[in-house]
C-alpha cells in the first residue's frame, strides 16, 4: 500500500511538469534558445572547452617548481661479515627551470589560443544549429498554411456539393454533375489528409532537432509579415564586410594563424640554452643492532646527519640532428596552411553570402509575381463561383478554375516562406538576432 501511495504521489508531482511542457506553444526564439542550451552536440563542444581550460591551467603550472619528498627504512642482516643494522633516511628536493628560451611561456600562449579556438568552434556549431532551427520552424509554418488552404478547399467543396444537390433537385443540373462534386470533395479531403501529414512530419522534424518529445509538441501561431525593407542591404558586400567582423569561422581561422606564429617561436626557442636549478635536503639515521658500543640517539643522528645541496645547470644545444631546424620548417608550413585555410573560409563566406543574396532577390521577385497571380486567380474564382451558382458553368470547368487558384495559393506560400528563410539567412550573416518580428 505504501508503494502504491508513493507511486501515485510521484505521478501527481510529475504530471503538472509534463502538462506544462505539452501545452507550451513554442516561438522561434524559444526553439533557438532551447536548441542552443540543450543540444547534445553543443554540450559536447562545451565539454571540450572545459578540457581545454584545464590545458591552459596545466601550461601555466609549468612555471612552478616541482617539489618531492622521500623516506626510506632499511634492515640489514644475514651476512656473517656484517652486523644486523637498521637505517632510516629522509629527504626533500625541489627543481625549477629558470630559462628555456621562452618555451614555457609559448606553451601557455598556445593553450590560450586553443581555448579561444574551441570557443569559436562552439559558436560555429551554434550558428549552424540556429539556421537549421529557423529552416525547420518556417517549414512548419509553411505546412500549416498548406493545411489552412486544404481546409478552405474542403469547405468550398462541401458548399458546392450542397449547392449541386439543390440544382439537381431543381432539374437545372444533371446527376453526373452531382457525382463529380462528390468526387471533388473526396479528392480535396484526401489533399487535406496529405497536408495534415506533411504538417505532422514538419513538427516531428523540428521536435527531433530540438531533441524534445514529439507528443503534443506545437509552435505558436505566428502571422509572418513580408517586409521588403529587409532587402535594403544595398548589396552583398555590405553583408560580407559585416560578417568578416564577427563570423566565428573567420575568427577561428585567424586565431589558428596566430597560434601557428606562436608554434614557430616555440620551435626556434629550441636553439636557445636552458638554465635550471635544484635544491635538496636530507638526513639519515643508522643503528648497529649487535654492537655494544654506545650510539647516538635517533633524533641526534637526524640532526647531525643533515645535508643540503644546491645546484644550477646550464644546457646549451650544439647539435640535435637538425630536429630544431626541421621543426621550425614544419611550423612555417603549418602557418602557410593556416593562412590558406583563412582565405578558403573567406572565399566560402563570400560565395555563400552572394548566393544567398541573389536567392533572396530572386525569391522576392517570385513572391511578387505569385502575389499578383493569386489576386488574379481569386478574382477569376469569384466570377466562376457566381456563374456556377447560377448554373452557367459546369462542375468540370469550375473545378479547373479552383485548381488554378489552389496552385497559385500554394506557389505563393512556397515563395513567401522561401523568401523569409533567405532574408533570415542574410540577417544571421549580418549578425542580427533570430526573430520573426
Protein backbone atom coordinates (compact mmCIF):
# COMPACT_ATOMS: atom_id res chain seq x y z
CA UNK A 1 0.00 0.00 0.00
CA UNK A 2 2.87 2.38 0.82
CA UNK A 3 4.48 1.59 -2.54
CA UNK A 4 1.22 2.36 -4.38
CA UNK A 5 0.82 5.61 -2.43
CA UNK A 6 4.38 6.69 -3.27
CA UNK A 7 3.82 5.86 -6.94
CA UNK A 8 0.60 7.90 -7.11
CA UNK A 9 2.24 10.80 -5.30
CA UNK A 10 5.10 10.74 -7.79
CA UNK A 11 2.64 10.86 -10.68
CA UNK A 12 0.90 13.84 -9.10
CA UNK A 13 4.19 15.70 -8.81
CA UNK A 14 5.49 14.84 -12.28
CA UNK A 15 2.26 15.19 -14.28
CA UNK A 16 2.00 19.00 -13.98
CA UNK A 17 5.51 19.30 -15.42
CA UNK A 18 4.60 17.20 -18.45
CA UNK A 19 1.31 19.02 -18.81
CA UNK A 20 3.07 22.37 -18.83
CA UNK A 21 5.55 21.16 -21.45
CA UNK A 22 2.80 19.67 -23.59
CA UNK A 23 0.71 22.87 -23.57
CA UNK A 24 3.63 25.16 -24.43
CA UNK A 25 3.37 26.97 -27.73
CA UNK A 26 6.95 27.34 -28.95
CA UNK A 27 8.03 30.57 -30.61
CA UNK A 28 11.02 30.73 -32.91
CA UNK A 29 13.03 32.45 -30.18
CA UNK A 30 12.07 29.67 -27.74
CA UNK A 31 13.17 26.99 -30.18
CA UNK A 32 16.52 28.60 -30.96
CA UNK A 33 17.30 29.27 -27.29
CA UNK A 34 16.32 25.76 -26.24
CA UNK A 35 18.38 24.20 -29.01
CA UNK A 36 21.48 26.22 -28.14
CA UNK A 37 21.11 25.42 -24.43
CA UNK A 38 20.32 21.72 -24.68
CA UNK A 39 21.67 20.32 -27.93
CA UNK A 40 23.96 17.36 -27.22
CA UNK A 41 26.49 18.34 -29.87
CA UNK A 42 26.74 21.82 -28.36
CA UNK A 43 27.16 20.32 -24.90
CA UNK A 44 29.92 18.07 -26.22
CA UNK A 45 31.68 21.12 -27.61
CA UNK A 46 31.31 22.89 -24.26
CA UNK A 47 32.86 19.89 -22.53
CA UNK A 48 35.80 20.22 -24.91
CA UNK A 49 36.11 23.84 -23.82
CA UNK A 50 36.26 22.73 -20.19
CA UNK A 51 39.01 20.27 -21.09
CA UNK A 52 40.94 22.99 -22.89
CA UNK A 53 40.67 25.23 -19.81
CA UNK A 54 42.48 22.55 -17.82
CA UNK A 55 45.15 22.52 -20.54
CA UNK A 56 45.64 26.26 -20.04
CA UNK A 57 45.98 25.86 -16.29
CA UNK A 58 48.39 22.97 -16.72
CA UNK A 59 50.54 25.05 -19.05
CA UNK A 60 50.64 27.90 -16.52
CA UNK A 61 51.61 25.49 -13.76
CA UNK A 62 54.83 24.70 -15.62
CA UNK A 63 56.23 27.94 -14.20
CA UNK A 64 56.01 26.42 -10.71
CA UNK A 65 58.83 24.33 -9.26
CA UNK A 66 58.49 20.62 -8.67
CA UNK A 67 58.86 19.53 -5.05
CA UNK A 68 59.09 15.96 -3.80
CA UNK A 69 59.84 14.24 -0.52
CA UNK A 70 61.35 10.84 0.22
CA UNK A 71 61.79 8.49 3.13
CA UNK A 72 63.29 5.03 3.49
CA UNK A 73 63.64 2.32 6.11
CA UNK A 74 66.31 -0.37 5.90
CA UNK A 75 67.20 -3.51 7.82
CA UNK A 76 70.44 -5.32 7.07
CA UNK A 77 71.09 -8.87 8.28
CA UNK A 78 72.14 -12.34 7.20
CA UNK A 79 75.75 -11.78 6.10
CA UNK A 80 78.41 -13.03 8.52
CA UNK A 81 80.79 -10.16 7.82
CA UNK A 82 78.18 -7.53 8.67
CA UNK A 83 76.26 -6.84 11.79
CA UNK A 84 72.50 -6.61 11.79
CA UNK A 85 71.61 -2.96 11.33
CA UNK A 86 68.70 -0.60 10.95
CA UNK A 87 68.70 2.59 8.85
CA UNK A 88 66.26 5.40 8.22
CA UNK A 89 66.58 8.42 5.93
CA UNK A 90 64.51 11.46 4.98
CA UNK A 91 64.86 13.91 2.12
CA UNK A 92 63.15 16.68 0.21
CA UNK A 93 64.06 18.13 -3.15
CA UNK A 94 62.90 20.89 -5.46
CA UNK A 95 63.77 21.83 -9.00
CA UNK A 96 62.79 24.59 -11.38
CA UNK A 97 63.56 25.82 -14.87
CA UNK A 98 64.75 29.41 -14.79
CA UNK A 99 65.06 29.93 -18.52
CA UNK A 100 64.30 27.74 -21.53
CA UNK A 101 64.12 30.24 -24.35
CA UNK A 102 60.50 31.14 -23.60
CA UNK A 103 59.12 27.68 -24.44
CA UNK A 104 57.02 27.58 -21.26
CA UNK A 105 55.55 30.99 -21.98
CA UNK A 106 54.81 29.97 -25.56
CA UNK A 107 53.09 26.83 -24.29
CA UNK A 108 50.78 28.99 -22.18
CA UNK A 109 50.04 31.23 -25.17
CA UNK A 110 49.32 28.21 -27.38
CA UNK A 111 46.95 26.74 -24.83
CA UNK A 112 45.18 30.08 -24.57
CA UNK A 113 44.79 30.30 -28.35
CA UNK A 114 43.44 26.76 -28.47
CA UNK A 115 40.90 27.74 -25.82
CA UNK A 116 39.80 30.72 -27.90
CA UNK A 117 39.53 28.48 -30.96
CA UNK A 118 37.40 26.00 -29.01
CA UNK A 119 35.02 28.80 -28.01
CA UNK A 120 34.76 29.97 -31.61
CA UNK A 121 34.18 26.46 -32.95
CA UNK A 122 31.32 26.14 -30.48
CA UNK A 123 29.87 29.37 -31.87
CA UNK A 124 30.15 27.95 -35.39
CA UNK A 125 28.18 24.93 -34.24
CA UNK A 126 25.56 27.15 -32.62
CA UNK A 127 25.17 29.28 -35.75
CA UNK A 128 24.66 26.21 -37.92
CA UNK A 129 22.14 24.87 -35.43
CA UNK A 130 20.25 28.18 -35.40
CA UNK A 131 19.95 28.09 -39.20
CA UNK A 132 18.60 24.54 -39.03
CA UNK A 133 16.05 25.54 -36.40
CA UNK A 134 14.90 28.56 -38.43
CA UNK A 135 14.51 26.40 -41.53
CA UNK A 136 12.58 23.70 -39.63
CA UNK A 137 10.37 26.28 -37.91
CA UNK A 138 9.49 28.04 -41.15
CA UNK A 139 8.78 24.66 -42.71
CA UNK A 140 6.17 24.07 -40.01
CA UNK A 141 4.59 27.46 -40.71
CA UNK A 142 4.60 26.73 -44.44
CA UNK A 143 2.87 23.38 -43.98
CA UNK A 144 0.42 24.93 -41.52
CA UNK A 145 -0.69 27.36 -44.22
CA UNK A 146 -0.92 24.42 -46.59
CA UNK A 147 -3.35 22.79 -44.18
CA UNK A 148 -5.35 26.01 -44.00
CA UNK A 149 -5.64 26.13 -47.79
CA UNK A 150 -6.66 22.47 -47.90
CA UNK A 151 -9.29 23.05 -45.20
CA UNK A 152 -10.69 26.01 -47.13
CA UNK A 153 -10.96 23.85 -50.24
CA UNK A 154 -12.80 21.13 -48.33
CA UNK A 155 -15.22 23.76 -47.03
CA UNK A 156 -15.77 25.14 -50.54
CA UNK A 157 -16.21 21.62 -51.92
CA UNK A 158 -18.83 20.85 -49.30
CA UNK A 159 -20.67 24.07 -50.11
CA UNK A 160 -20.53 23.27 -53.83
CA UNK A 161 -21.83 19.77 -53.20
CA UNK A 162 -24.74 21.17 -51.22
CA UNK A 163 -25.44 23.67 -54.00
CA UNK A 164 -25.21 20.95 -56.63
CA UNK A 165 -27.78 18.87 -54.78
CA UNK A 166 -30.14 21.82 -54.92
CA UNK A 167 -29.51 22.29 -58.65
CA UNK A 168 -30.03 18.60 -59.37
CA UNK A 169 -33.21 18.52 -57.33
CA UNK A 170 -34.41 21.57 -59.23
CA UNK A 171 -33.61 19.88 -62.54
CA UNK A 172 -31.08 22.54 -63.52
CA UNK A 173 -28.03 20.25 -63.46
CA UNK A 174 -27.52 16.62 -64.35
CA UNK A 175 -26.88 13.96 -61.76
CA UNK A 176 -23.42 13.40 -63.25
CA UNK A 177 -22.51 16.87 -62.01
CA UNK A 178 -23.51 15.76 -58.52
CA UNK A 179 -21.24 12.74 -58.76
CA UNK A 180 -18.44 14.99 -59.96
CA UNK A 181 -18.97 17.30 -56.98
CA UNK A 182 -18.83 14.34 -54.60
CA UNK A 183 -15.60 13.16 -56.24
CA UNK A 184 -14.14 16.65 -55.91
CA UNK A 185 -14.98 16.73 -52.21
CA UNK A 186 -13.33 13.34 -51.69
CA UNK A 187 -10.24 14.49 -53.58
CA UNK A 188 -9.89 17.66 -51.52
CA UNK A 189 -10.41 15.68 -48.32
CA UNK A 190 -7.55 13.46 -49.43
CA UNK A 191 -5.44 16.56 -50.08
CA UNK A 192 -6.27 17.73 -46.56
CA UNK A 193 -5.06 14.42 -45.14
CA UNK A 194 -1.81 14.77 -47.10
CA UNK A 195 -1.34 18.37 -45.98
CA UNK A 196 -2.02 17.42 -42.36
CA UNK A 197 0.50 14.60 -42.58
CA UNK A 198 3.09 16.98 -44.04
CA UNK A 199 2.49 19.31 -41.10
CA UNK A 200 2.95 16.45 -38.63
CA UNK A 201 6.19 15.45 -40.33
CA UNK A 202 7.43 19.06 -40.16
CA UNK A 203 6.57 19.26 -36.45
CA UNK A 204 8.29 15.94 -35.85
CA UNK A 205 11.43 17.15 -37.62
CA UNK A 206 11.51 20.32 -35.51
CA UNK A 207 10.91 18.40 -32.27
CA UNK A 208 13.67 15.94 -33.14
CA UNK A 209 16.02 18.80 -33.97
CA UNK A 210 15.29 20.25 -30.53
CA UNK A 211 15.63 16.74 -29.04
CA UNK A 212 12.19 17.07 -27.48
CA UNK A 213 9.34 14.52 -27.19
CA UNK A 214 7.05 14.82 -30.20
CA UNK A 215 3.78 14.12 -28.37
CA UNK A 216 1.68 17.31 -28.22
CA UNK A 217 4.58 19.42 -29.48
CA UNK A 218 3.37 22.54 -31.27
CA UNK A 219 4.54 26.01 -32.17
CA UNK A 220 2.89 29.34 -31.57
CA UNK A 221 0.54 30.82 -34.14
CA UNK A 222 2.56 33.45 -35.98
CA UNK A 223 1.40 35.88 -38.63
CA UNK A 224 4.60 36.32 -40.58
CA UNK A 225 4.58 39.59 -42.48
CA UNK A 226 6.66 40.28 -45.55
CA UNK A 227 8.97 43.24 -45.08
CA UNK A 228 10.67 44.20 -48.30
CA UNK A 229 12.89 46.58 -46.35
CA UNK A 230 14.80 43.52 -45.19
CA UNK A 231 16.42 43.50 -48.63
CA UNK A 232 17.69 47.06 -48.17
CA UNK A 233 21.30 46.00 -47.62
CA UNK A 234 22.46 47.75 -50.78
CA UNK A 235 24.46 44.77 -51.99
CA UNK A 236 26.06 41.58 -50.77
CA UNK A 237 29.35 43.35 -50.00
CA UNK A 238 27.72 45.16 -47.09
CA UNK A 239 26.72 41.84 -45.53
CA UNK A 240 30.10 40.28 -46.30
CA UNK A 241 32.06 43.11 -44.68
CA UNK A 242 29.85 42.89 -41.61
CA UNK A 243 30.21 39.11 -41.46
CA UNK A 244 34.01 39.34 -41.57
CA UNK A 245 33.93 41.26 -38.29
CA UNK A 246 32.12 38.62 -36.26
CA UNK A 247 31.63 35.28 -38.01
CA UNK A 248 33.27 32.70 -35.72
CA UNK A 249 34.60 30.55 -38.57
CA UNK A 250 36.61 33.53 -39.82
CA UNK A 251 37.82 34.47 -36.35
CA UNK A 252 38.74 30.85 -35.66
CA UNK A 253 40.84 30.71 -38.83
CA UNK A 254 42.57 33.94 -37.81
CA UNK A 255 43.31 32.52 -34.36
CA UNK A 256 44.88 29.47 -35.99
CA UNK A 257 47.32 31.74 -37.80
CA UNK A 258 48.18 33.42 -34.51
CA UNK A 259 48.62 30.01 -32.94
CA UNK A 260 50.93 28.99 -35.80
CA UNK A 261 53.07 32.09 -35.14
CA UNK A 262 53.45 31.00 -31.52
CA UNK A 263 54.42 27.49 -32.62
CA UNK A 264 57.14 28.96 -34.84
CA UNK A 265 58.54 30.98 -31.91
CA UNK A 266 58.45 27.90 -29.71
CA UNK A 267 60.29 25.85 -32.33
CA UNK A 268 63.02 28.49 -32.68
CA UNK A 269 63.36 28.57 -28.90
CA UNK A 270 64.78 25.06 -29.13
CA UNK A 271 68.07 26.63 -30.23
CA UNK A 272 68.39 28.60 -27.00
CA UNK A 273 70.04 27.38 -23.80
CA UNK A 274 68.19 26.08 -20.77
CA UNK A 275 69.03 27.15 -17.24
CA UNK A 276 67.62 25.14 -14.34
CA UNK A 277 68.26 24.87 -10.65
CA UNK A 278 67.68 22.34 -7.92
CA UNK A 279 67.85 22.13 -4.17
CA UNK A 280 67.79 19.08 -1.93
CA UNK A 281 67.89 18.47 1.80
CA UNK A 282 68.40 15.12 3.51
CA UNK A 283 69.29 13.39 6.76
CA UNK A 284 69.65 9.82 7.97
CA UNK A 285 69.80 7.56 10.98
CA UNK A 286 71.85 4.34 11.42
CA UNK A 287 71.76 1.79 14.23
CA UNK A 288 74.01 -1.24 14.62
CA UNK A 289 71.84 -3.72 16.49
CA UNK A 290 74.67 -6.05 17.59
CA UNK A 291 77.36 -3.68 18.80
CA UNK A 292 77.72 -2.89 22.46
CA UNK A 293 79.22 0.49 21.77
CA UNK A 294 77.06 3.40 22.83
CA UNK A 295 75.49 5.03 19.75
CA UNK A 296 73.88 8.41 19.29
CA UNK A 297 70.13 8.65 19.72
CA UNK A 298 67.68 8.76 16.86
CA UNK A 299 66.99 12.50 16.82
CA UNK A 300 70.61 13.37 17.49
CA UNK A 301 71.68 11.42 14.41
CA UNK A 302 68.97 13.04 12.31
CA UNK A 303 70.18 16.44 13.45
CA UNK A 304 73.85 15.71 12.85
CA UNK A 305 73.18 13.99 9.51
CA UNK A 306 71.52 16.94 7.86
CA UNK A 307 72.84 17.91 4.45
CA UNK A 308 71.98 20.50 1.80
CA UNK A 309 72.68 20.51 -1.90
CA UNK A 310 72.15 23.45 -4.24
CA UNK A 311 72.86 23.17 -7.96
CA UNK A 312 72.45 25.25 -11.09
CA UNK A 313 72.77 23.65 -14.51
CA UNK A 314 73.18 25.11 -17.97
CA UNK A 315 72.32 23.16 -21.11
CA UNK A 316 73.41 24.61 -24.45
CA UNK A 317 72.16 22.91 -27.63
CA UNK A 318 75.03 22.32 -30.02
CA UNK A 319 73.78 19.66 -32.41
CA UNK A 320 70.37 17.98 -32.20
CA UNK A 321 70.43 16.18 -35.55
CA UNK A 322 68.67 19.18 -37.16
CA UNK A 323 65.49 18.50 -35.18
CA UNK A 324 65.00 22.16 -34.28
CA UNK A 325 65.55 23.30 -37.86
CA UNK A 326 63.08 20.75 -39.23
CA UNK A 327 60.57 21.60 -36.51
CA UNK A 328 60.80 25.26 -37.50
CA UNK A 329 60.29 24.38 -41.15
CA UNK A 330 57.21 22.31 -40.32
CA UNK A 331 55.85 25.16 -38.22
CA UNK A 332 56.27 27.61 -41.09
CA UNK A 333 54.45 25.23 -43.42
CA UNK A 334 51.66 24.87 -40.87
CA UNK A 335 51.34 28.65 -40.82
CA UNK A 336 51.06 28.74 -44.61
CA UNK A 337 48.32 26.12 -44.34
CA UNK A 338 46.52 28.24 -41.74
CA UNK A 339 46.71 31.32 -43.98
CA UNK A 340 45.39 29.34 -46.92
CA UNK A 341 42.59 27.99 -44.72
CA UNK A 342 41.60 31.55 -43.78
CA UNK A 343 41.49 32.51 -47.45
CA UNK A 344 39.29 29.48 -48.16
CA UNK A 345 36.97 30.41 -45.30
CA UNK A 346 36.65 33.96 -46.61
CA UNK A 347 36.01 32.72 -50.14
CA UNK A 348 33.38 30.26 -48.91
CA UNK A 349 31.74 33.01 -46.85
CA UNK A 350 31.62 35.41 -49.78
CA UNK A 351 30.24 32.68 -52.05
CA UNK A 352 27.52 31.76 -49.56
CA UNK A 353 26.51 35.38 -48.98
CA UNK A 354 26.47 36.28 -52.68
CA UNK A 355 24.39 33.19 -53.45
CA UNK A 356 22.03 33.86 -50.54
CA UNK A 357 21.66 37.50 -51.57
CA UNK A 358 20.88 36.54 -55.16
CA UNK A 359 18.44 33.88 -53.96
CA UNK A 360 16.73 36.44 -51.74
CA UNK A 361 16.34 38.90 -54.62
CA UNK A 362 15.03 36.15 -56.88
CA UNK A 363 12.69 34.94 -54.15
CA UNK A 364 11.32 38.45 -53.74
CA UNK A 365 10.58 38.71 -57.46
CA UNK A 366 8.98 35.26 -57.40
CA UNK A 367 6.91 36.29 -54.39
CA UNK A 368 5.71 39.48 -56.08
CA UNK A 369 4.72 37.52 -59.19
CA UNK A 370 3.00 34.85 -57.10
CA UNK A 371 1.06 37.52 -55.21
CA UNK A 372 -0.25 39.00 -58.46
CA UNK A 373 -1.17 35.54 -59.69
CA UNK A 374 -3.14 34.83 -56.52
CA UNK A 375 -5.02 38.12 -56.83
CA UNK A 376 -5.93 37.33 -60.44
CA UNK A 377 -6.94 33.76 -59.66
CA UNK A 378 -9.04 34.87 -56.69
CA UNK A 379 -10.97 37.24 -58.96
CA UNK A 380 -11.35 34.51 -61.58
CA UNK A 381 -12.59 32.14 -58.90
CA UNK A 382 -15.10 34.71 -57.62
CA UNK A 383 -16.54 35.14 -61.10
CA UNK A 384 -16.58 31.39 -61.70
CA UNK A 385 -18.33 30.80 -58.39
CA UNK A 386 -21.09 33.25 -59.34
CA UNK A 387 -21.55 31.54 -62.70
CA UNK A 388 -21.61 28.12 -61.08
CA UNK A 389 -24.21 29.17 -58.52
CA UNK A 390 -26.48 30.30 -61.36
CA UNK A 391 -25.85 27.09 -63.29
CA UNK A 392 -23.92 28.92 -66.02
CA UNK A 393 -20.73 26.85 -65.56
CA UNK A 394 -20.19 23.13 -65.42
CA UNK A 395 -18.63 21.41 -62.43
CA UNK A 396 -15.61 20.43 -64.51
CA UNK A 397 -14.92 23.99 -65.69
CA UNK A 398 -15.44 25.36 -62.21
CA UNK A 399 -13.05 22.79 -60.76
CA UNK A 400 -10.40 23.81 -63.27
CA UNK A 401 -10.63 27.42 -62.09
CA UNK A 402 -10.49 26.33 -58.47
CA UNK A 403 -7.47 24.12 -59.05
CA UNK A 404 -5.66 27.04 -60.62
CA UNK A 405 -6.43 29.10 -57.52
CA UNK A 406 -5.13 26.34 -55.23
CA UNK A 407 -1.95 26.07 -57.27
CA UNK A 408 -1.49 29.84 -57.14
CA UNK A 409 -2.02 29.89 -53.37
CA UNK A 410 0.42 27.02 -52.89
CA UNK A 411 3.01 28.74 -55.06
CA UNK A 412 2.52 31.94 -53.09
CA UNK A 413 3.08 30.41 -49.65
CA UNK A 414 6.06 28.48 -51.01
CA UNK A 415 7.57 31.70 -52.38
CA UNK A 416 6.67 33.53 -49.19
CA UNK A 417 8.49 31.20 -46.83
CA UNK A 418 11.37 30.71 -49.22
CA UNK A 419 11.83 34.49 -49.24
CA UNK A 420 11.52 34.68 -45.46
CA UNK A 421 14.15 31.98 -45.00
CA UNK A 422 16.54 33.67 -47.43
CA UNK A 423 16.19 37.01 -45.66
CA UNK A 424 16.61 35.38 -42.25
CA UNK A 425 19.71 33.68 -43.60
CA UNK A 426 21.11 37.07 -44.60
CA UNK A 427 20.16 38.54 -41.23
CA UNK A 428 22.08 35.79 -39.46
CA UNK A 429 25.14 36.56 -41.58
CA UNK A 430 24.70 40.24 -40.79
CA UNK A 431 24.69 39.42 -37.09
CA UNK A 432 21.07 40.27 -36.32
CA UNK A 433 19.16 38.28 -33.70
CA UNK A 434 16.98 35.41 -34.89
CA UNK A 435 13.36 36.56 -34.72
CA UNK A 436 10.20 36.67 -36.82
CA UNK A 437 9.33 40.22 -35.77
